[in-house]
Amino acid sequence: MPEPTEQDIRERAHRLWEQAGKPTGREDEFWQAAEQELRNKDKSDPMRTPDTL
């Protein structure tokens, strides 16, 4: 799976922000959480093979 795009991260961060009750001043926190989550998602993919690493 390719690296998450900026749009992927933005959409996930927005969902996390909404789930947290839309707090102000924590944009960076949600961006970083979304980015980490999406990057780790690839690492936990059960379909990973040596060809797709």
Protein backbone atom coordinates (compact mmCIF):
# COMPACT_ATOMS: atom_id res chain seq x y z
CA MET A 1 0.00 0.00 0.00
CA PRO A 2 1.40 3.41 -0.87
CA GLU A 3 2.00 6.13 1.68
CA PRO A 4 -1.19 7.90 2.76
CA THR A 5 -1.88 11.05 0.79
CA GLU A 6 -2.38 14.44 2.38
CA GLN A 7 -6.08 14.12 1.55
CA ASP A 8 -6.29 10.72 3.29
CA ILE A 9 -4.68 12.20 6.40
CA ARG A 10 -6.89 15.30 6.30
CA GLU A 11 -10.08 13.21 6.08
CA ARG A 12 -9.04 10.88 8.91
CA ALA A 13 -7.91 13.78 11.10
CA HIS A 14 -11.26 15.47 10.57
CA ARG A 15 -13.14 12.32 11.60
CA LEU A 16 -10.97 11.98 14.72
CA TRP A 17 -11.57 15.66 15.55
CA GLU A 18 -15.33 15.24 15.17
CA GLN A 19 -15.33 12.10 17.35
CA ALA A 20 -13.46 14.03 20.05
CA GLY A 21 -16.16 16.69 20.16
CA LYS A 22 -14.49 19.24 17.81
CA PRO A 23 -12.07 20.75 20.33
CA THR A 24 -10.27 23.94 19.31
CA GLY A 25 -6.53 24.39 19.11
CA ARG A 26 -5.62 20.71 18.71
CA GLU A 27 -5.32 20.46 14.93
CA ASP A 28 -1.72 19.25 15.00
CA GLU A 29 -2.58 16.53 17.49
CA PHE A 30 -5.33 15.13 15.28
CA TRP A 31 -3.19 15.43 12.13
CA GLN A 32 -0.34 13.47 13.76
CA ALA A 33 -2.70 10.82 15.14
CA ALA A 34 -4.32 10.35 11.73
CA GLU A 35 -0.98 10.19 9.94
CA GLN A 36 0.40 7.62 12.38
CA GLU A 37 -2.76 5.54 12.24
CA LEU A 38 -2.75 5.43 8.44
CA ARG A 39 0.96 4.62 8.23
CA ASN A 40 0.62 1.83 10.83
CA LYS A 41 -2.41 0.44 9.04
CA ASP A 42 -0.16 -0.51 6.13
CA LYS A 43 2.28 -2.28 8.45
CA SER A 44 -0.45 -4.43 9.97
CA ASP A 45 -1.93 -5.50 6.63
CA PRO A 46 -2.15 -9.31 6.71
CA MET A 47 -1.70 -9.43 2.94
CA ARG A 48 1.82 -8.02 3.15
CA THR A 49 4.41 -10.15 1.47
CA PRO A 50 8.12 -9.57 0.86
CA ASP A 51 7.12 -8.14 -2.54
CA THR A 52 4.91 -5.46 -0.99
CA LEU A 53 7.12 -4.33 1.89
